[in-house]
């Protein structure tokens, strides 16, 4: 008898179709109104966010925006 190599990365057994539950692409990111600002920050703070962004392959400005948004969302509920 021939021995089969089982590839664990592929599905096995009886397969069934699953209903599509993912949102449409235009529903993934809801654009919000934004405003440009100029702000003076400590160089050490900017360096911190730049290093963090490099580590996670992201943009440091986006990390700062998310941090501010999380903070304001949390404290606006209080």
C-alpha atoms as a PDB file:
ATOM      1  CA  UNK A   1       0.000   0.000   0.000  1.00  0.00           C
ATOM      2  CA  UNK A   2       1.196   3.508  -0.843  1.00  0.00           C
ATOM      3  CA  UNK A   3       1.768   5.781   2.157  1.00  0.00           C
ATOM      4  CA  UNK A   4       0.071   9.206   1.843  1.00  0.00           C
ATOM      5  CA  UNK A   5       1.830  12.344   2.981  1.00  0.00           C
ATOM      6  CA  UNK A   6      -0.623  14.416   4.997  1.00  0.00           C
ATOM      7  CA  UNK A   7      -0.235  18.155   4.427  1.00  0.00           C
ATOM      8  CA  UNK A   8      -1.491  19.786   7.628  1.00  0.00           C
ATOM      9  CA  UNK A   9      -1.737  23.192   5.923  1.00  0.00           C
ATOM     10  CA  UNK A  10      -4.535  21.915   3.685  1.00  0.00           C
ATOM     11  CA  UNK A  11      -8.063  21.157   4.843  1.00  0.00           C
ATOM     12  CA  UNK A  12      -9.049  17.518   5.214  1.00  0.00           C
ATOM     13  CA  UNK A  13     -12.300  15.696   5.800  1.00  0.00           C
ATOM     14  CA  UNK A  14     -15.695  16.795   4.520  1.00  0.00           C
ATOM     15  CA  UNK A  15     -15.706  20.460   3.467  1.00  0.00           C
ATOM     16  CA  UNK A  16     -18.663  22.804   3.765  1.00  0.00           C
ATOM     17  CA  UNK A  17     -19.306  26.297   2.471  1.00  0.00           C
ATOM     18  CA  UNK A  18     -19.381  29.058   5.075  1.00  0.00           C
ATOM     19  CA  UNK A  19     -21.516  32.183   4.726  1.00  0.00           C
ATOM     20  CA  UNK A  20     -19.494  35.284   3.880  1.00  0.00           C
ATOM     21  CA  UNK A  21     -19.370  37.315   7.105  1.00  0.00           C
ATOM     22  CA  UNK A  22     -16.749  39.904   6.180  1.00  0.00           C
ATOM     23  CA  UNK A  23     -17.836  43.518   5.705  1.00  0.00           C
ATOM     24  CA  UNK A  24     -17.570  45.169   2.313  1.00  0.00           C
ATOM     25  CA  UNK A  25     -14.320  47.079   1.695  1.00  0.00           C
ATOM     26  CA  UNK A  26     -16.050  50.462   2.013  1.00  0.00           C
ATOM     27  CA  UNK A  27     -17.330  49.438   5.459  1.00  0.00           C
ATOM     28  CA  UNK A  28     -13.889  48.512   6.799  1.00  0.00           C
ATOM     29  CA  UNK A  29     -12.659  52.042   7.292  1.00  0.00           C
ATOM     30  CA  UNK A  30     -15.234  54.708   7.970  1.00  0.00           C
ATOM     31  CA  UNK A  31     -13.656  58.050   7.142  1.00  0.00           C
ATOM     32  CA  UNK A  32     -13.988  60.645   9.848  1.00  0.00           C
ATOM     33  CA  UNK A  33     -13.616  64.371   9.580  1.00  0.00           C
ATOM     34  CA  UNK A  34     -10.059  65.391  10.345  1.00  0.00           C
ATOM     35  CA  UNK A  35      -8.240  68.666  10.846  1.00  0.00           C
ATOM     36  CA  UNK A  36      -4.584  69.524  10.378  1.00  0.00           C
ATOM     37  CA  UNK A  37      -2.772  70.886  13.406  1.00  0.00           C
ATOM     38  CA  UNK A  38       0.717  72.060  14.182  1.00  0.00           C
ATOM     39  CA  UNK A  39       2.085  70.923  17.514  1.00  0.00           C
ATOM     40  CA  UNK A  40       5.477  71.079  19.180  1.00  0.00           C
ATOM     41  CA  UNK A  41       6.495  67.828  20.876  1.00  0.00           C
ATOM     42  CA  UNK A  42       9.662  66.775  22.657  1.00  0.00           C
ATOM     43  CA  UNK A  43      12.199  65.197  20.348  1.00  0.00           C
ATOM     44  CA  UNK A  44      12.494  62.225  22.712  1.00  0.00           C
ATOM     45  CA  UNK A  45       8.741  61.601  22.369  1.00  0.00           C
ATOM     46  CA  UNK A  46       8.900  61.732  18.575  1.00  0.00           C
ATOM     47  CA  UNK A  47      11.908  59.376  18.600  1.00  0.00           C
ATOM     48  CA  UNK A  48       9.951  56.962  20.787  1.00  0.00           C
ATOM     49  CA  UNK A  49       7.043  56.855  18.327  1.00  0.00           C
ATOM     50  CA  UNK A  50       9.357  56.612  15.307  1.00  0.00           C
ATOM     51  CA  UNK A  51      11.154  53.614  16.841  1.00  0.00           C
ATOM     52  CA  UNK A  52       7.839  52.010  17.723  1.00  0.00           C
ATOM     53  CA  UNK A  53       6.560  52.587  14.185  1.00  0.00           C
ATOM     54  CA  UNK A  54       9.692  51.116  12.632  1.00  0.00           C
ATOM     55  CA  UNK A  55       9.398  48.035  14.849  1.00  0.00           C
ATOM     56  CA  UNK A  56       5.775  47.474  13.775  1.00  0.00           C
ATOM     57  CA  UNK A  57       6.141  48.638  10.141  1.00  0.00           C
ATOM     58  CA  UNK A  58       3.701  51.501  10.663  1.00  0.00           C
ATOM     59  CA  UNK A  59       3.663  55.278  10.440  1.00  0.00           C
ATOM     60  CA  UNK A  60       4.465  57.180  13.601  1.00  0.00           C
ATOM     61  CA  UNK A  61       1.841  59.870  12.909  1.00  0.00           C
ATOM     62  CA  UNK A  62      -0.859  57.214  12.758  1.00  0.00           C
ATOM     63  CA  UNK A  63       0.280  55.737  16.081  1.00  0.00           C
ATOM     64  CA  UNK A  64       0.071  59.177  17.695  1.00  0.00           C
ATOM     65  CA  UNK A  65      -3.423  59.735  16.196  1.00  0.00           C
ATOM     66  CA  UNK A  66      -4.619  56.355  17.489  1.00  0.00           C
ATOM     67  CA  UNK A  67      -3.201  57.089  20.942  1.00  0.00           C
ATOM     68  CA  UNK A  68      -5.013  60.444  21.105  1.00  0.00           C
ATOM     69  CA  UNK A  69      -8.221  58.924  19.783  1.00  0.00           C
ATOM     70  CA  UNK A  70      -8.146  56.095  22.338  1.00  0.00           C
ATOM     71  CA  UNK A  71      -7.478  58.572  25.140  1.00  0.00           C
ATOM     72  CA  UNK A  72     -10.312  60.930  24.152  1.00  0.00           C
ATOM     73  CA  UNK A  73     -12.748  58.070  23.584  1.00  0.00           C
ATOM     74  CA  UNK A  74     -11.990  56.666  27.026  1.00  0.00           C
ATOM     75  CA  UNK A  75     -12.333  59.956  28.895  1.00  0.00           C
ATOM     76  CA  UNK A  76     -15.342  61.240  26.947  1.00  0.00           C
ATOM     77  CA  UNK A  77     -17.378  58.310  28.400  1.00  0.00           C
ATOM     78  CA  UNK A  78     -16.601  59.332  31.992  1.00  0.00           C
END
